[in-house]
């Protein structure tokens, strides 16, 4: 993404934009934080399991020395040594892995997706990324961060070594056990001190990565408009769909007019078709209603089918205002509709 393109991203990312990035596995996380957690977890696990580790290694050493006279081959010792190494490394690796995964979940939440594993051969071409790798603000920050880590680790390590030499003298003259114990203590001090500093750097880096990721997810005004249009639907398409739906509804109503017992009209504006089957309907049902052009269509259809068309403006207006197609006639209009149906029965000799 060029600087010019990034400057055009002035709109906050939508929920859909955030979800799209998460589905792609593009989330804000600090690789430094995961690395430091992994390192400290491994060191902590070694310290906790050291009695078990030392006992296992001592047992293997005694076993190996005891088998030297048995003329065992080098592959035998290598295989046994590999088993012991795996047995020793397993708890340390398990603790480090669990805590590293926990640090990732703490940073980004649970985000299981296969998309980052799908091959994308377009990403294999390094040429488009070269300017961003060496000539961008992000690249400068990464370089400065790496130099800071190297400098801090080196400074802390040298100071701890000098301090140990000043307080405890030289390491020469110590027995093997004392030497390894002293070196282990020094290494542990270095790891703890540098680890604390690196955690501070990693936390700062996490906030920086979140800021950069939020900036990356921002959208241009055009993208925001397009997403809104996609969510709401194209107005032209929506109008066409509504038009088709209304046409279908009108066609169904006109088809239902054939079942009407009577059509009550306000001669110029409203038409309401009413059906009543004595043995079928619990109450009179409105099968079609319309205004203006649709009212005219209903009247024409009724006359073509020989269905009585009765002018009663107050009743037509009331039924059109409160009635629904497929619903019963409103209760307040029962009496007027009953009188109308009785008149139709008297004139035609049938209710339906």
Protein backbone atom coordinates (compact mmCIF):
# COMPACT_ATOMS: atom_id res chain seq x y z
CA UNK A 1 0.00 0.00 0.00
CA UNK A 2 1.58 3.28 -1.12
CA UNK A 3 1.71 6.34 1.12
CA UNK A 4 -0.73 8.12 -1.21
CA UNK A 5 -3.24 5.29 -0.96
CA UNK A 6 -2.85 5.19 2.82
CA UNK A 7 -3.51 8.93 3.09
CA UNK A 8 -6.85 8.40 1.35
CA UNK A 9 -7.92 5.98 4.10
CA UNK A 10 -9.67 8.43 6.38
CA UNK A 11 -12.69 6.37 7.48
CA UNK A 12 -12.79 4.09 10.51
CA UNK A 13 -12.93 0.37 9.63
CA UNK A 14 -16.38 -1.16 9.66
CA UNK A 15 -17.26 -4.36 11.48
CA UNK A 16 -17.27 -6.17 8.15
CA UNK A 17 -13.78 -4.85 7.36
CA UNK A 18 -12.45 -6.06 10.72
CA UNK A 19 -14.05 -9.48 10.21
CA UNK A 20 -12.58 -9.70 6.70
CA UNK A 21 -9.07 -9.05 8.04
CA UNK A 22 -9.50 -11.62 10.81
CA UNK A 23 -10.73 -14.24 8.33
CA UNK A 24 -7.56 -13.65 6.30
CA UNK A 25 -5.47 -14.14 9.44
CA UNK A 26 -4.32 -10.51 9.25
CA UNK A 27 -4.42 -9.48 12.91
CA UNK A 28 -2.47 -7.13 15.17
CA UNK A 29 0.08 -9.11 17.15
CA UNK A 30 3.62 -8.65 18.40
CA UNK A 31 6.03 -11.38 17.33
CA UNK A 32 8.47 -9.98 19.93
CA UNK A 33 6.00 -10.60 22.74
CA UNK A 34 5.45 -14.21 21.66
CA UNK A 35 9.22 -14.71 21.38
CA UNK A 36 9.92 -13.30 24.85
CA UNK A 37 7.12 -15.35 26.42
CA UNK A 38 8.48 -18.47 24.70
CA UNK A 39 12.01 -17.77 25.95
CA UNK A 40 11.02 -17.00 29.54
CA UNK A 41 8.60 -19.94 29.62
CA UNK A 42 11.36 -22.31 28.47
CA UNK A 43 13.82 -20.93 31.03
CA UNK A 44 11.21 -21.06 33.77
CA UNK A 45 10.33 -24.64 32.86
CA UNK A 46 14.02 -25.63 32.95
CA UNK A 47 14.38 -24.10 36.42
CA UNK A 48 11.21 -25.83 37.69
CA UNK A 49 12.05 -29.20 36.16
CA UNK A 50 15.79 -28.99 36.82
CA UNK A 51 15.80 -31.69 39.53
CA UNK A 52 14.05 -34.05 37.14
CA UNK A 53 16.31 -33.03 34.23
CA UNK A 54 19.55 -33.37 36.21
CA UNK A 55 18.52 -36.72 37.65
CA UNK A 56 17.59 -38.02 34.20
CA UNK A 57 20.88 -36.86 32.67
CA UNK A 58 22.88 -38.29 35.58
CA UNK A 59 21.11 -41.61 35.24
CA UNK A 60 21.84 -41.74 31.52
CA UNK A 61 25.47 -40.82 32.09
CA UNK A 62 25.85 -43.62 34.63
CA UNK A 63 24.06 -46.02 32.27
CA UNK A 64 26.30 -45.05 29.33
CA UNK A 65 29.50 -45.36 31.36
CA UNK A 66 28.37 -48.73 32.66
CA UNK A 67 27.86 -50.04 29.12
CA UNK A 68 31.25 -49.00 27.78
CA UNK A 69 32.72 -52.40 28.60
CA UNK A 70 29.85 -54.09 26.78
CA UNK A 71 31.30 -52.86 23.49
CA UNK A 72 28.07 -51.15 22.48
CA UNK A 73 28.13 -49.29 19.17
CA UNK A 74 27.84 -45.54 18.69
CA UNK A 75 24.34 -45.81 17.13
CA UNK A 76 23.16 -47.54 20.32
CA UNK A 77 24.33 -44.68 22.52
CA UNK A 78 22.95 -42.13 20.06
CA UNK A 79 19.51 -43.81 20.09
CA UNK A 80 19.41 -44.03 23.88
CA UNK A 81 20.69 -40.47 24.18
CA UNK A 82 17.96 -39.28 21.78
CA UNK A 83 15.30 -40.94 23.91
CA UNK A 84 16.62 -39.25 27.04
CA UNK A 85 16.86 -35.87 25.29
CA UNK A 86 13.27 -36.14 24.08
CA UNK A 87 12.14 -37.18 27.56
CA UNK A 88 13.90 -34.15 29.07
CA UNK A 89 12.84 -31.64 26.41
CA UNK A 90 9.16 -32.69 26.35
CA UNK A 91 7.97 -30.93 29.55
CA UNK A 92 9.97 -27.80 28.73
CA UNK A 93 8.57 -27.66 25.19
CA UNK A 94 5.05 -28.32 26.40
CA UNK A 95 5.14 -25.45 28.91
CA UNK A 96 6.72 -23.07 26.38
CA UNK A 97 4.16 -24.00 23.70
CA UNK A 98 1.14 -23.61 25.99
CA UNK A 99 2.28 -20.20 27.27
CA UNK A 100 3.16 -19.00 23.76
CA UNK A 101 -0.30 -19.97 22.49
CA UNK A 102 -1.82 -18.28 25.54
CA UNK A 103 0.08 -15.08 24.74
CA UNK A 104 -1.24 -15.16 21.16
CA UNK A 105 -4.83 -15.69 22.35
CA UNK A 106 -4.39 -12.84 24.83
CA UNK A 107 -3.25 -10.56 22.01
CA UNK A 108 -5.80 -11.34 19.29
CA UNK A 109 -8.43 -13.60 20.88
CA UNK A 110 -9.43 -16.95 19.40
CA UNK A 111 -9.18 -16.65 15.62
CA UNK A 112 -9.09 -20.07 13.94
CA UNK A 113 -8.79 -19.81 10.16
CA UNK A 114 -7.23 -21.86 7.37
CA UNK A 115 -6.87 -18.98 4.89
CA UNK A 116 -3.27 -18.05 5.78
CA UNK A 117 -2.28 -21.64 4.90
CA UNK A 118 -3.74 -21.44 1.38
CA UNK A 119 -0.88 -20.88 -1.12
CA UNK A 120 -0.80 -17.40 -2.62
CA UNK A 121 1.81 -17.37 -5.39
CA UNK A 122 1.37 -13.62 -5.81
CA UNK A 123 3.08 -13.11 -2.46
CA UNK A 124 6.17 -15.01 -3.62
CA UNK A 125 7.25 -12.11 -5.82
CA UNK A 126 9.40 -9.87 -3.58
CA UNK A 127 9.74 -6.97 -6.05
CA UNK A 128 6.50 -5.12 -5.14
CA UNK A 129 7.42 -5.34 -1.45
CA UNK A 130 11.01 -4.13 -1.74
CA UNK A 131 10.21 -0.40 -1.35
CA UNK A 132 8.17 -1.12 1.77
CA UNK A 133 10.89 -3.38 3.19
CA UNK A 134 13.67 -0.81 3.00
CA UNK A 135 12.17 2.64 2.41
CA UNK A 136 9.16 2.91 4.72
CA UNK A 137 8.55 4.22 8.21
CA UNK A 138 7.65 0.73 9.37
CA UNK A 139 11.01 -0.62 8.14
CA UNK A 140 12.85 2.12 10.04
CA UNK A 141 10.95 1.27 13.23
CA UNK A 142 11.79 -2.43 12.85
CA UNK A 143 15.49 -1.65 12.33
CA UNK A 144 15.61 0.67 15.35
CA UNK A 145 13.77 -1.92 17.44
CA UNK A 146 16.26 -4.65 16.48
CA UNK A 147 19.23 -2.40 17.24
CA UNK A 148 17.68 -1.49 20.60
CA UNK A 149 17.21 -5.16 21.52
CA UNK A 150 20.78 -6.04 20.53
CA UNK A 151 22.18 -3.08 22.42
CA UNK A 152 20.12 -3.72 25.56
CA UNK A 153 20.87 -7.45 25.65
CA UNK A 154 24.58 -6.78 25.11
CA UNK A 155 24.70 -4.02 27.72
CA UNK A 156 22.86 -6.05 30.37
CA UNK A 157 24.92 -9.20 29.67
CA UNK A 158 28.27 -7.41 29.88
CA UNK A 159 27.29 -5.60 33.08
CA UNK A 160 26.16 -8.81 34.77
CA UNK A 161 29.38 -10.62 33.75
CA UNK A 162 31.56 -7.77 35.06
CA UNK A 163 29.56 -7.65 38.28
CA UNK A 164 29.95 -11.41 38.80
CA UNK A 165 33.70 -11.22 38.23
CA UNK A 166 34.05 -8.28 40.63
CA UNK A 167 32.08 -9.97 43.42
CA UNK A 168 33.07 -13.61 43.02
CA UNK A 169 36.45 -13.44 41.32
CA UNK A 170 37.53 -15.42 38.33
CA UNK A 171 35.94 -18.74 37.42
CA UNK A 172 39.29 -20.49 37.09
CA UNK A 173 40.02 -22.96 39.87
CA UNK A 174 36.42 -24.02 40.38
CA UNK A 175 35.42 -27.66 40.21
CA UNK A 176 33.31 -28.82 37.30
CA UNK A 177 30.13 -28.86 39.39
CA UNK A 178 30.83 -25.40 40.84
CA UNK A 179 31.73 -24.02 37.41
CA UNK A 180 28.49 -25.25 35.81
CA UNK A 181 26.48 -24.03 38.78
CA UNK A 182 28.09 -20.57 38.59
CA UNK A 183 27.63 -20.36 34.80
CA UNK A 184 24.01 -21.45 35.17
CA UNK A 185 23.38 -18.75 37.78
CA UNK A 186 24.98 -16.10 35.56
CA UNK A 187 22.98 -17.24 32.52
CA UNK A 188 19.77 -17.21 34.53
CA UNK A 189 20.44 -13.66 35.77
CA UNK A 190 21.14 -12.51 32.22
CA UNK A 191 17.95 -14.13 30.91
CA UNK A 192 15.78 -12.68 33.69
CA UNK A 193 17.16 -9.14 33.41
CA UNK A 194 17.10 -9.04 29.61
CA UNK A 195 13.71 -10.77 29.61
CA UNK A 196 12.15 -8.04 31.73
CA UNK A 197 13.52 -5.35 29.42
CA UNK A 198 12.44 -7.27 26.32
CA UNK A 199 8.93 -7.69 27.73
CA UNK A 200 8.68 -3.90 28.13
CA UNK A 201 9.85 -3.47 24.52
CA UNK A 202 7.42 -6.18 23.36
CA UNK A 203 4.46 -4.52 25.10
CA UNK A 204 5.33 -1.20 23.46
CA UNK A 205 5.64 -3.06 20.18
CA UNK A 206 2.20 -4.62 20.69
CA UNK A 207 0.56 -1.20 20.99
CA UNK A 208 2.53 -0.03 17.94
CA UNK A 209 1.42 -3.08 15.93
CA UNK A 210 -2.21 -2.46 16.92
CA UNK A 211 -1.92 1.16 15.85
CA UNK A 212 -0.40 0.18 12.50
CA UNK A 213 -2.97 -2.56 11.95
CA UNK A 214 -5.85 -0.20 12.75
CA UNK A 215 -4.36 2.29 10.29
CA UNK A 216 -4.07 -0.47 7.69
CA UNK A 217 -7.73 -1.46 8.13
CA UNK A 218 -9.02 2.07 7.63
CA UNK A 219 -11.12 2.60 4.53
CA UNK A 220 -11.46 5.24 1.85
CA UNK A 221 -14.71 7.13 1.48
CA UNK A 222 -15.38 5.22 -1.73
CA UNK A 223 -14.88 1.84 0.00
CA UNK A 224 -17.24 2.90 2.79
CA UNK A 225 -19.91 3.92 0.28
CA UNK A 226 -19.49 0.68 -1.68
CA UNK A 227 -19.74 -1.46 1.46
CA UNK A 228 -22.85 0.41 2.57
CA UNK A 229 -24.34 -0.11 -0.87
CA UNK A 230 -23.49 -3.83 -0.75
CA UNK A 231 -25.10 -4.19 2.66
CA UNK A 232 -28.19 -2.16 1.91
CA UNK A 233 -28.44 -3.25 -1.69
CA UNK A 234 -28.36 -1.16 -4.84
CA UNK A 235 -31.35 1.26 -4.67
CA UNK A 236 -32.14 0.70 -8.36
CA UNK A 237 -32.13 -3.08 -7.90
CA UNK A 238 -34.22 -2.77 -4.73
CA UNK A 239 -36.79 -0.64 -6.56
CA UNK A 240 -36.95 -3.20 -9.34
CA UNK A 241 -37.43 -6.02 -6.84
CA UNK A 242 -40.16 -4.11 -5.03
CA UNK A 243 -41.80 -3.37 -8.36
CA UNK A 244 -41.74 -7.06 -9.30
CA UNK A 245 -43.15 -8.00 -5.91
CA UNK A 246 -45.96 -5.47 -6.23
CA UNK A 247 -46.75 -6.70 -9.73
CA UNK A 248 -46.93 -10.27 -8.44
CA UNK A 249 -49.16 -9.21 -5.54
CA UNK A 250 -51.47 -7.32 -7.91
CA UNK A 251 -51.62 -10.30 -10.25
CA UNK A 252 -52.52 -12.61 -7.36
CA UNK A 253 -55.24 -10.20 -6.19
CA UNK A 254 -56.76 -9.92 -9.63
CA UNK A 255 -56.74 -13.69 -9.93
CA UNK A 256 -58.47 -13.94 -6.53
CA UNK A 257 -61.30 -11.66 -7.69
CA UNK A 258 -62.92 -14.67 -9.37
CA UNK A 259 -63.67 -16.09 -5.89
CA UNK A 260 -65.35 -12.87 -4.68
CA UNK A 261 -69.01 -12.76 -3.76
CA UNK A 262 -69.25 -8.99 -4.24
CA UNK A 263 -67.04 -5.98 -4.99
CA UNK A 264 -67.83 -2.83 -3.05
CA UNK A 265 -66.54 0.39 -4.61
CA UNK A 266 -66.11 4.08 -4.20
CA UNK A 267 -66.76 4.72 -7.89
CA UNK A 268 -63.61 6.74 -8.52
CA UNK A 269 -60.99 5.67 -5.97
CA UNK A 270 -61.42 2.35 -4.10
CA UNK A 271 -62.48 -1.22 -4.81
CA UNK A 272 -62.71 -4.06 -2.24
CA UNK A 273 -63.54 -7.63 -3.27
CA UNK A 274 -65.24 -9.69 -0.54
CA UNK A 275 -65.72 -13.46 -0.45
CA UNK A 276 -68.15 -15.34 1.75
CA UNK A 277 -68.78 -19.08 1.56
CA UNK A 278 -71.49 -20.07 4.01
CA UNK A 279 -70.12 -23.58 4.66
CA UNK A 280 -66.43 -22.57 4.37
CA UNK A 281 -65.77 -19.11 5.79
CA UNK A 282 -66.24 -18.19 9.45
CA UNK A 283 -66.63 -14.55 8.39
CA UNK A 284 -66.44 -12.53 5.17
CA UNK A 285 -62.85 -12.37 3.78
CA UNK A 286 -61.23 -9.60 1.74
CA UNK A 287 -59.64 -11.25 -1.30
CA UNK A 288 -58.56 -8.07 -3.12
CA UNK A 289 -58.45 -4.34 -2.59
CA UNK A 290 -56.90 -1.42 -4.41
CA UNK A 291 -56.98 2.27 -5.13
CA UNK A 292 -57.15 4.27 -8.35
CA UNK A 293 -55.69 2.22 -11.22
CA UNK A 294 -55.79 -1.03 -9.24
CA UNK A 295 -59.38 -0.27 -8.16
CA UNK A 296 -60.30 0.11 -11.82
CA UNK A 297 -58.66 -3.23 -12.66
CA UNK A 298 -60.61 -4.99 -9.88
CA UNK A 299 -63.91 -3.49 -11.08
CA UNK A 300 -63.22 -4.45 -14.68
CA UNK A 301 -62.27 -7.99 -13.66
CA UNK A 302 -65.40 -8.37 -11.54
CA UNK A 303 -67.71 -7.12 -14.29
CA UNK A 304 -65.99 -9.42 -16.79
CA UNK A 305 -66.64 -12.38 -14.47
CA UNK A 306 -70.21 -11.32 -13.71
CA UNK A 307 -69.53 -10.60 -10.04
CA UNK A 308 -71.80 -7.93 -8.52
CA UNK A 309 -70.15 -4.49 -8.18
CA UNK A 310 -71.89 -2.32 -5.58
CA UNK A 311 -71.21 1.38 -4.99
CA UNK A 312 -70.95 2.18 -1.28
CA UNK A 313 -68.28 4.89 -0.79
CA UNK A 314 -68.26 4.94 3.07
CA UNK A 315 -67.95 1.16 3.30
CA UNK A 316 -65.37 0.99 0.51
CA UNK A 317 -63.22 3.66 2.20
CA UNK A 318 -63.50 1.95 5.60
CA UNK A 319 -62.60 -1.49 4.25
CA UNK A 320 -59.69 -0.12 2.23
CA UNK A 321 -58.31 1.77 5.25
CA UNK A 322 -58.52 -1.03 7.82
CA UNK A 323 -58.84 -4.26 5.88
CA UNK A 324 -56.05 -6.57 4.72
CA UNK A 325 -55.94 -8.90 1.75
CA UNK A 326 -56.57 -12.43 2.98
CA UNK A 327 -57.95 -11.19 6.30
CA UNK A 328 -61.47 -11.07 7.68
CA UNK A 329 -63.59 -7.97 7.32
CA UNK A 330 -63.03 -5.66 10.36
CA UNK A 331 -65.60 -6.32 13.10
CA UNK A 332 -66.97 -2.78 13.01
CA UNK A 333 -67.95 -3.38 9.39
CA UNK A 334 -69.65 -6.76 9.92
CA UNK A 335 -73.18 -5.31 9.94
CA UNK A 336 -72.73 -3.25 6.77
CA UNK A 337 -71.07 -6.17 4.94
CA UNK A 338 -73.76 -8.59 6.12
CA UNK A 339 -76.48 -6.29 4.77
CA UNK A 340 -74.56 -6.01 1.49
CA UNK A 341 -74.21 -9.79 1.17
CA UNK A 342 -77.92 -10.25 2.00
CA UNK A 343 -78.80 -7.83 -0.76
CA UNK A 344 -76.54 -9.72 -3.21
CA UNK A 345 -78.16 -13.01 -2.20
CA UNK A 346 -81.61 -11.50 -2.71
CA UNK A 347 -80.73 -10.15 -6.15
CA UNK A 348 -78.69 -13.12 -7.46
CA UNK A 349 -80.26 -15.91 -5.46
CA UNK A 350 -76.87 -17.07 -4.11
CA UNK A 351 -74.29 -15.90 -1.57
CA UNK A 352 -71.21 -16.93 -3.53
